[in-house]
Amino acid sequence: GAIDRMAALRAHALEGLRNAVPELVVNGCGAAHIL
């Protein structure tokens, strides 16, 4: 389940960051383990 866990953590991080830092820019997307 490691890949799915990393993908969920990446999504969790993004949600928290967008709420905390509205001007945040996300560069690219794709693999579960890199943000």
PDB file of all heavy atoms in Angstrom:
ATOM      1  N   GLY A   1       0.783  -1.230   0.000  1.00  0.00           N
ATOM      2  CA  GLY A   1       0.000   0.000   0.000  1.00  0.00           C
ATOM      3  C   GLY A   1       0.810   1.272   0.000  1.00  0.00           C
ATOM      4  O   GLY A   1       0.251   2.371   0.138  1.00  0.00           O
ATOM      5  N   ALA A   2       2.134   1.168  -0.177  1.00  0.00           N
ATOM      6  CA  ALA A   2       3.003   2.338  -0.018  1.00  0.00           C
ATOM      7  C   ALA A   2       2.690   3.440  -1.018  1.00  0.00           C
ATOM      8  O   ALA A   2       2.652   4.632  -0.664  1.00  0.00           O
ATOM      9  CB  ALA A   2       4.464   1.924  -0.133  1.00  0.00           C
ATOM     10  N   ILE A   3       2.469   3.083  -2.289  1.00  0.00           N
ATOM     11  CA  ILE A   3       2.217   4.109  -3.308  1.00  0.00           C
ATOM     12  C   ILE A   3       0.939   4.864  -2.997  1.00  0.00           C
ATOM     13  O   ILE A   3       0.895   6.105  -3.061  1.00  0.00           O
ATOM     14  CB  ILE A   3       2.151   3.470  -4.703  1.00  0.00           C
ATOM     15  CG1 ILE A   3       3.501   2.852  -5.069  1.00  0.00           C
ATOM     16  CG2 ILE A   3       1.756   4.513  -5.746  1.00  0.00           C
ATOM     17  CD1 ILE A   3       3.473   2.058  -6.373  1.00  0.00           C
ATOM     18  N   ASP A   4      -0.105   4.148  -2.628  1.00  0.00           N
ATOM     19  CA  ASP A   4      -1.373   4.804  -2.299  1.00  0.00           C
ATOM     20  C   ASP A   4      -1.229   5.685  -1.062  1.00  0.00           C
ATOM     21  O   ASP A   4      -1.814   6.782  -1.005  1.00  0.00           O
ATOM     22  CB  ASP A   4      -2.463   3.760  -2.065  1.00  0.00           C
ATOM     23  CG  ASP A   4      -2.898   3.073  -3.355  1.00  0.00           C
ATOM     24  OD1 ASP A   4      -2.646   3.629  -4.440  1.00  0.00           O
ATOM     25  OD2 ASP A   4      -3.480   1.967  -3.267  1.00  0.00           O
ATOM     26  N   ARG A   5      -0.452   5.240  -0.078  1.00  0.00           N
ATOM     27  CA  ARG A   5      -0.244   6.068   1.119  1.00  0.00           C
ATOM     28  C   ARG A   5       0.479   7.358   0.775  1.00  0.00           C
ATOM     29  O   ARG A   5       0.114   8.437   1.256  1.00  0.00           O
ATOM     30  CB  ARG A   5       0.555   5.295   2.175  1.00  0.00           C
ATOM     31  CG  ARG A   5      -0.198   4.194   2.880  1.00  0.00           C
ATOM     32  CD  ARG A   5       0.446   3.842   4.224  1.00  0.00           C
ATOM     33  NE  ARG A   5       1.889   3.661   4.141  1.00  0.00           N
ATOM     34  CZ  ARG A   5       2.483   2.515   3.787  1.00  0.00           C
ATOM     35  NH1 ARG A   5       1.746   1.456   3.459  1.00  0.00           N
ATOM     36  NH2 ARG A   5       3.796   2.425   3.760  1.00  0.00           N
ATOM     37  N   MET A   6       1.511   7.258  -0.055  1.00  0.00           N
ATOM     38  CA  MET A   6       2.249   8.461  -0.442  1.00  0.00           C
ATOM     39  C   MET A   6       1.365   9.420  -1.233  1.00  0.00           C
ATOM     40  O   MET A   6       1.427  10.639  -1.042  1.00  0.00           O
ATOM     41  CB  MET A   6       3.510   8.090  -1.216  1.00  0.00           C
ATOM     42  CG  MET A   6       4.600   7.475  -0.362  1.00  0.00           C
ATOM     43  SD  MET A   6       6.184   7.261  -1.220  1.00  0.00           S
ATOM     44  CE  MET A   6       5.780   5.925  -2.352  1.00  0.00           C
ATOM     45  N   ALA A   7       0.538   8.877  -2.114  1.00  0.00           N
ATOM     46  CA  ALA A   7      -0.376   9.727  -2.890  1.00  0.00           C
ATOM     47  C   ALA A   7      -1.354  10.446  -1.958  1.00  0.00           C
ATOM     48  O   ALA A   7      -1.642  11.644  -2.142  1.00  0.00           O
ATOM     49  CB  ALA A   7      -1.127   8.890  -3.910  1.00  0.00           C
ATOM     50  N   ALA A   8      -1.861   9.736  -0.953  1.00  0.00           N
ATOM     51  CA  ALA A   8      -2.788  10.357  -0.006  1.00  0.00           C
ATOM     52  C   ALA A   8      -2.089  11.431   0.822  1.00  0.00           C
ATOM     53  O   ALA A   8      -2.662  12.494   1.088  1.00  0.00           O
ATOM     54  CB  ALA A   8      -3.394   9.287   0.904  1.00  0.00           C
ATOM     55  N   LEU A   9      -0.848  11.176   1.213  1.00  0.00           N
ATOM     56  CA  LEU A   9      -0.094  12.170   1.982  1.00  0.00           C
ATOM     57  C   LEU A   9       0.218  13.394   1.134  1.00  0.00           C
ATOM     58  O   LEU A   9       0.165  14.534   1.631  1.00  0.00           O
ATOM     59  CB  LEU A   9       1.203  11.552   2.511  1.00  0.00           C
ATOM     60  CG  LEU A   9       1.053  10.550   3.648  1.00  0.00           C
ATOM     61  CD1 LEU A   9       2.406   9.903   3.969  1.00  0.00           C
ATOM     62  CD2 LEU A   9       0.493  11.231   4.900  1.00  0.00           C
ATOM     63  N   ARG A  10       0.535  13.186  -0.135  1.00  0.00           N
ATOM     64  CA  ARG A  10       0.798  14.318  -1.031  1.00  0.00           C
ATOM     65  C   ARG A  10      -0.455  15.186  -1.160  1.00  0.00           C
ATOM     66  O   ARG A  10      -0.385  16.423  -1.094  1.00  0.00           O
ATOM     67  CB  ARG A  10       1.237  13.792  -2.400  1.00  0.00           C
ATOM     68  CG  ARG A  10       1.666  14.861  -3.386  1.00  0.00           C
ATOM     69  CD  ARG A  10       2.015  14.198  -4.724  1.00  0.00           C
ATOM     70  NE  ARG A  10       2.539  15.156  -5.667  1.00  0.00           N
ATOM     71  CZ  ARG A  10       1.807  15.959  -6.428  1.00  0.00           C
ATOM     72  NH1 ARG A  10       0.487  15.918  -6.335  1.00  0.00           N
ATOM     73  NH2 ARG A  10       2.378  16.803  -7.265  1.00  0.00           N
ATOM     74  N   ALA A  11      -1.618  14.538  -1.344  1.00  0.00           N
ATOM     75  CA  ALA A  11      -2.881  15.280  -1.442  1.00  0.00           C
ATOM     76  C   ALA A  11      -3.193  15.998  -0.136  1.00  0.00           C
ATOM     77  O   ALA A  11      -3.670  17.146  -0.142  1.00  0.00           O
ATOM     78  CB  ALA A  11      -4.010  14.317  -1.802  1.00  0.00           C
ATOM     79  N   HIS A  12      -2.907  15.354   0.979  1.00  0.00           N
ATOM     80  CA  HIS A  12      -3.135  15.958   2.293  1.00  0.00           C
ATOM     81  C   HIS A  12      -2.243  17.184   2.469  1.00  0.00           C
ATOM     82  O   HIS A  12      -2.699  18.231   2.966  1.00  0.00           O
ATOM     83  CB  HIS A  12      -2.848  14.916   3.375  1.00  0.00           C
ATOM     84  CG  HIS A  12      -3.018  15.411   4.769  1.00  0.00           C
ATOM     85  ND1 HIS A  12      -4.252  15.759   5.302  1.00  0.00           N
ATOM     86  CD2 HIS A  12      -2.104  15.632   5.763  1.00  0.00           C
ATOM     87  CE1 HIS A  12      -4.089  16.157   6.558  1.00  0.00           C
ATOM     88  NE2 HIS A  12      -2.797  16.093   6.854  1.00  0.00           N
ATOM     89  N   ALA A  13      -0.991  17.072   2.051  1.00  0.00           N
ATOM     90  CA  ALA A  13      -0.070  18.202   2.141  1.00  0.00           C
ATOM     91  C   ALA A  13      -0.554  19.374   1.294  1.00  0.00           C
ATOM     92  O   ALA A  13      -0.534  20.535   1.737  1.00  0.00           O
ATOM     93  CB  ALA A  13       1.326  17.773   1.712  1.00  0.00           C
ATOM     94  N   LEU A  14      -0.991  19.072   0.067  1.00  0.00           N
ATOM     95  CA  LEU A  14      -1.461  20.132  -0.825  1.00  0.00           C
ATOM     96  C   LEU A  14      -2.670  20.856  -0.247  1.00  0.00           C
ATOM     97  O   LEU A  14      -2.757  22.093  -0.306  1.00  0.00           O
ATOM     98  CB  LEU A  14      -1.809  19.546  -2.187  1.00  0.00           C
ATOM     99  CG  LEU A  14      -0.722  19.598  -3.245  1.00  0.00           C
ATOM    100  CD1 LEU A  14      -1.174  18.902  -4.509  1.00  0.00           C
ATOM    101  CD2 LEU A  14      -0.317  21.035  -3.529  1.00  0.00           C
ATOM    102  N   GLU A  15      -3.594  20.090   0.306  1.00  0.00           N
ATOM    103  CA  GLU A  15      -4.783  20.714   0.893  1.00  0.00           C
ATOM    104  C   GLU A  15      -4.391  21.640   2.035  1.00  0.00           C
ATOM    105  O   GLU A  15      -4.865  22.785   2.126  1.00  0.00           O
ATOM    106  CB  GLU A  15      -5.741  19.627   1.396  1.00  0.00           C
ATOM    107  CG  GLU A  15      -7.028  20.194   2.013  1.00  0.00           C
ATOM    108  CD  GLU A  15      -7.946  19.113   2.543  1.00  0.00           C
ATOM    109  OE1 GLU A  15      -7.521  17.940   2.620  1.00  0.00           O
ATOM    110  OE2 GLU A  15      -9.094  19.434   2.881  1.00  0.00           O
ATOM    111  N   GLY A  16      -3.509  21.161   2.903  1.00  0.00           N
ATOM    112  CA  GLY A  16      -3.079  21.988   4.025  1.00  0.00           C
ATOM    113  C   GLY A  16      -2.322  23.222   3.578  1.00  0.00           C
ATOM    114  O   GLY A  16      -2.524  24.320   4.117  1.00  0.00           O
ATOM    115  N   LEU A  17      -1.450  23.073   2.588  1.00  0.00           N
ATOM    116  CA  LEU A  17      -0.661  24.203   2.109  1.00  0.00           C
ATOM    117  C   LEU A  17      -1.530  25.262   1.444  1.00  0.00           C
ATOM    118  O   LEU A  17      -1.316  26.464   1.631  1.00  0.00           O
ATOM    119  CB  LEU A  17       0.405  23.708   1.127  1.00  0.00           C
ATOM    120  CG  LEU A  17       1.561  22.901   1.729  1.00  0.00           C
ATOM    121  CD1 LEU A  17       2.399  22.282   0.632  1.00  0.00           C
ATOM    122  CD2 LEU A  17       2.415  23.783   2.640  1.00  0.00           C
ATOM    123  N   ARG A  18      -2.497  24.822   0.659  1.00  0.00           N
ATOM    124  CA  ARG A  18      -3.360  25.789  -0.033  1.00  0.00           C
ATOM    125  C   ARG A  18      -4.215  26.568   0.953  1.00  0.00           C
ATOM    126  O   ARG A  18      -4.537  27.735   0.721  1.00  0.00           O
ATOM    127  CB  ARG A  18      -4.214  25.063  -1.060  1.00  0.00           C
ATOM    128  CG  ARG A  18      -3.423  24.719  -2.320  1.00  0.00           C
ATOM    129  CD  ARG A  18      -4.196  23.848  -3.269  1.00  0.00           C
ATOM    130  NE  ARG A  18      -3.527  23.764  -4.577  1.00  0.00           N
ATOM    131  CZ  ARG A  18      -3.593  22.725  -5.376  1.00  0.00           C
ATOM    132  NH1 ARG A  18      -4.315  21.655  -5.030  1.00  0.00           N
ATOM    133  NH2 ARG A  18      -2.957  22.730  -6.539  1.00  0.00           N
ATOM    134  N   ASN A  19      -4.587  25.938   2.045  1.00  0.00           N
ATOM    135  CA  ASN A  19      -5.346  26.642   3.072  1.00  0.00           C
ATOM    136  C   ASN A  19      -4.468  27.611   3.851  1.00  0.00           C
ATOM    137  O   ASN A  19      -4.906  28.706   4.208  1.00  0.00           O
ATOM    138  CB  ASN A  19      -5.991  25.639   4.037  1.00  0.00           C
ATOM    139  CG  ASN A  19      -7.125  24.862   3.394  1.00  0.00           C
ATOM    140  OD1 ASN A  19      -7.771  25.348   2.475  1.00  0.00           O
ATOM    141  ND2 ASN A  19      -7.363  23.647   3.861  1.00  0.00           N
ATOM    142  N   ALA A  20      -3.217  27.203   4.096  1.00  0.00           N
ATOM    143  CA  ALA A  20      -2.328  28.007   4.940  1.00  0.00           C
ATOM    144  C   ALA A  20      -1.600  29.093   4.158  1.00  0.00           C
ATOM    145  O   ALA A  20      -1.291  30.156   4.704  1.00  0.00           O
ATOM    146  CB  ALA A  20      -1.307  27.098   5.634  1.00  0.00           C
ATOM    147  N   VAL A  21      -1.320  28.831   2.879  1.00  0.00           N
ATOM    148  CA  VAL A  21      -0.534  29.765   2.068  1.00  0.00           C
ATOM    149  C   VAL A  21      -1.252  29.943   0.727  1.00  0.00           C
ATOM    150  O   VAL A  21      -0.952  29.258  -0.261  1.00  0.00           O
ATOM    151  CB  VAL A  21       0.895  29.232   1.839  1.00  0.00           C
ATOM    152  CG1 VAL A  21       1.753  30.285   1.147  1.00  0.00           C
ATOM    153  CG2 VAL A  21       1.537  28.787   3.145  1.00  0.00           C
ATOM    154  N   PRO A  22      -2.214  30.834   0.642  1.00  0.00           N
ATOM    155  CA  PRO A  22      -3.055  30.962  -0.565  1.00  0.00           C
ATOM    156  C   PRO A  22      -2.275  31.241  -1.846  1.00  0.00           C
ATOM    157  O   PRO A  22      -2.701  30.815  -2.926  1.00  0.00           O
ATOM    158  CB  PRO A  22      -3.985  32.128  -0.216  1.00  0.00           C
ATOM    159  CG  PRO A  22      -4.024  32.152   1.278  1.00  0.00           C
ATOM    160  CD  PRO A  22      -2.660  31.738   1.718  1.00  0.00           C
ATOM    161  N   GLU A  23      -1.150  31.954  -1.750  1.00  0.00           N
ATOM    162  CA  GLU A  23      -0.408  32.286  -2.970  1.00  0.00           C
ATOM    163  C   GLU A  23       0.536  31.179  -3.427  1.00  0.00           C
ATOM    164  O   GLU A  23       1.300  31.347  -4.389  1.00  0.00           O
ATOM    165  CB  GLU A  23       0.385  33.590  -2.784  1.00  0.00           C
ATOM    166  CG  GLU A  23       1.500  33.530  -1.751  1.00  0.00           C
ATOM    167  CD  GLU A  23       1.054  34.009  -0.387  1.00  0.00           C
ATOM    168  OE1 GLU A  23      -0.038  33.627   0.058  1.00  0.00           O
ATOM    169  OE2 GLU A  23       1.825  34.772   0.245  1.00  0.00           O
ATOM    170  N   LEU A  24       0.488  30.035  -2.789  1.00  0.00           N
ATOM    171  CA  LEU A  24       1.332  28.908  -3.147  1.00  0.00           C
ATOM    172  C   LEU A  24       1.116  28.505  -4.611  1.00  0.00           C
ATOM    173  O   LEU A  24      -0.005  28.466  -5.095  1.00  0.00           O
ATOM    174  CB  LEU A  24       1.008  27.716  -2.245  1.00  0.00           C
ATOM    175  CG  LEU A  24       1.907  26.489  -2.392  1.00  0.00           C
ATOM    176  CD1 LEU A  24       3.115  26.635  -1.469  1.00  0.00           C
ATOM    177  CD2 LEU A  24       1.133  25.215  -2.032  1.00  0.00           C
ATOM    178  N   VAL A  25       2.203  28.199  -5.320  1.00  0.00           N
ATOM    179  CA  VAL A  25       2.154  27.725  -6.706  1.00  0.00           C
ATOM    180  C   VAL A  25       2.659  26.285  -6.725  1.00  0.00           C
ATOM    181  O   VAL A  25       3.691  25.973  -6.121  1.00  0.00           O
ATOM    182  CB  VAL A  25       3.025  28.599  -7.626  1.00  0.00           C
ATOM    183  CG1 VAL A  25       3.098  28.000  -9.031  1.00  0.00           C
ATOM    184  CG2 VAL A  25       2.481  30.015  -7.678  1.00  0.00           C
ATOM    185  N   VAL A  26       1.933  25.409  -7.404  1.00  0.00           N
ATOM    186  CA  VAL A  26       2.346  24.014  -7.552  1.00  0.00           C
ATOM    187  C   VAL A  26       2.976  23.841  -8.929  1.00  0.00           C
ATOM    188  O   VAL A  26       2.392  24.218  -9.948  1.00  0.00           O
ATOM    189  CB  VAL A  26       1.151  23.054  -7.396  1.00  0.00           C
ATOM    190  CG1 VAL A  26       1.603  21.609  -7.551  1.00  0.00           C
ATOM    191  CG2 VAL A  26       0.484  23.262  -6.043  1.00  0.00           C
ATOM    192  N   ASN A  27       4.182  23.288  -8.956  1.00  0.00           N
ATOM    193  CA  ASN A  27       4.923  23.108 -10.208  1.00  0.00           C
ATOM    194  C   ASN A  27       4.778  21.680 -10.696  1.00  0.00           C
ATOM    195  O   ASN A  27       5.360  20.757 -10.129  1.00  0.00           O
ATOM    196  CB  ASN A  27       6.406  23.407  -9.992  1.00  0.00           C
ATOM    197  CG  ASN A  27       6.638  24.783  -9.401  1.00  0.00           C
ATOM    198  OD1 ASN A  27       5.997  25.749  -9.781  1.00  0.00           O
ATOM    199  ND2 ASN A  27       7.563  24.874  -8.455  1.00  0.00           N
ATOM    200  N   GLY A  28       4.023  21.482 -11.758  1.00  0.00           N
ATOM    201  CA  GLY A  28       3.893  20.153 -12.315  1.00  0.00           C
ATOM    202  C   GLY A  28       3.082  19.235 -11.418  1.00  0.00           C
ATOM    203  O   GLY A  28       2.577  19.629 -10.366  1.00  0.00           O
ATOM    204  N   CYS A  29       2.966  18.005 -11.835  1.00  0.00           N
ATOM    205  CA  CYS A  29       2.236  17.013 -11.053  1.00  0.00           C
ATOM    206  C   CYS A  29       2.569  15.640 -11.598  1.00  0.00           C
ATOM    207  O   CYS A  29       3.212  15.519 -12.631  1.00  0.00           O
ATOM    208  CB  CYS A  29       0.733  17.257 -11.127  1.00  0.00           C
ATOM    209  SG  CYS A  29       0.056  17.164 -12.797  1.00  0.00           S
ATOM    210  N   GLY A  30       2.133  14.610 -10.861  1.00  0.00           N
ATOM    211  CA  GLY A  30       2.377  13.269 -11.371  1.00  0.00           C
ATOM    212  C   GLY A  30       2.627  12.257 -10.290  1.00  0.00           C
ATOM    213  O   GLY A  30       1.697  11.757  -9.670  1.00  0.00           O
ATOM    214  N   ALA A  31       3.886  11.908 -10.035  1.00  0.00           N
ATOM    215  CA  ALA A  31       4.235  10.828  -9.122  1.00  0.00           C
ATOM    216  C   ALA A  31       3.771  11.121  -7.707  1.00  0.00           C
ATOM    217  O   ALA A  31       3.724  12.274  -7.267  1.00  0.00           O
ATOM    218  CB  ALA A  31       5.742  10.593  -9.146  1.00  0.00           C
ATOM    219  N   ALA A  32       3.466  10.046  -6.988  1.00  0.00           N
ATOM    220  CA  ALA A  32       2.881  10.168  -5.652  1.00  0.00           C
ATOM    221  C   ALA A  32       3.836  10.742  -4.629  1.00  0.00           C
ATOM    222  O   ALA A  32       3.399  11.313  -3.621  1.00  0.00           O
ATOM    223  CB  ALA A  32       2.401   8.791  -5.178  1.00  0.00           C
ATOM    224  N   HIS A  33       5.140  10.631  -4.854  1.00  0.00           N
ATOM    225  CA  HIS A  33       6.096  10.928  -3.774  1.00  0.00           C
ATOM    226  C   HIS A  33       6.802  12.272  -3.898  1.00  0.00           C
ATOM    227  O   HIS A  33       7.605  12.614  -3.025  1.00  0.00           O
ATOM    228  CB  HIS A  33       7.140   9.818  -3.691  1.00  0.00           C
ATOM    229  CG  HIS A  33       8.027   9.703  -4.904  1.00  0.00           C
ATOM    230  ND1 HIS A  33       7.563   9.342  -6.142  1.00  0.00           N
ATOM    231  CD2 HIS A  33       9.358   9.903  -5.058  1.00  0.00           C
ATOM    232  CE1 HIS A  33       8.562   9.317  -7.003  1.00  0.00           C
ATOM    233  NE2 HIS A  33       9.657   9.664  -6.372  1.00  0.00           N
ATOM    234  N   ILE A  34       6.531  13.039  -4.960  1.00  0.00           N
ATOM    235  CA  ILE A  34       7.227  14.310  -5.163  1.00  0.00           C
ATOM    236  C   ILE A  34       6.229  15.445  -5.278  1.00  0.00           C
ATOM    237  O   ILE A  34       5.252  15.361  -6.021  1.00  0.00           O
ATOM    238  CB  ILE A  34       8.131  14.265  -6.410  1.00  0.00           C
ATOM    239  CG1 ILE A  34       9.230  13.217  -6.242  1.00  0.00           C
ATOM    240  CG2 ILE A  34       8.742  15.636  -6.692  1.00  0.00           C
ATOM    241  CD1 ILE A  34      10.135  13.063  -7.445  1.00  0.00           C
ATOM    242  N   LEU A  35       6.504  16.519  -4.552  1.00  0.00           N
ATOM    243  CA  LEU A  35       5.673  17.721  -4.586  1.00  0.00           C
ATOM    244  C   LEU A  35       6.589  18.933  -4.700  1.00  0.00           C
ATOM    245  O   LEU A  35       7.405  19.190  -3.815  1.00  0.00           O
ATOM    246  CB  LEU A  35       4.822  17.812  -3.309  1.00  0.00           C
ATOM    247  CG  LEU A  35       3.974  19.072  -3.124  1.00  0.00           C
ATOM    248  CD1 LEU A  35       2.965  19.211  -4.258  1.00  0.00           C
ATOM    249  CD2 LEU A  35       3.259  19.027  -1.771  1.00  0.00           C
TER     250      LEU A  35
END
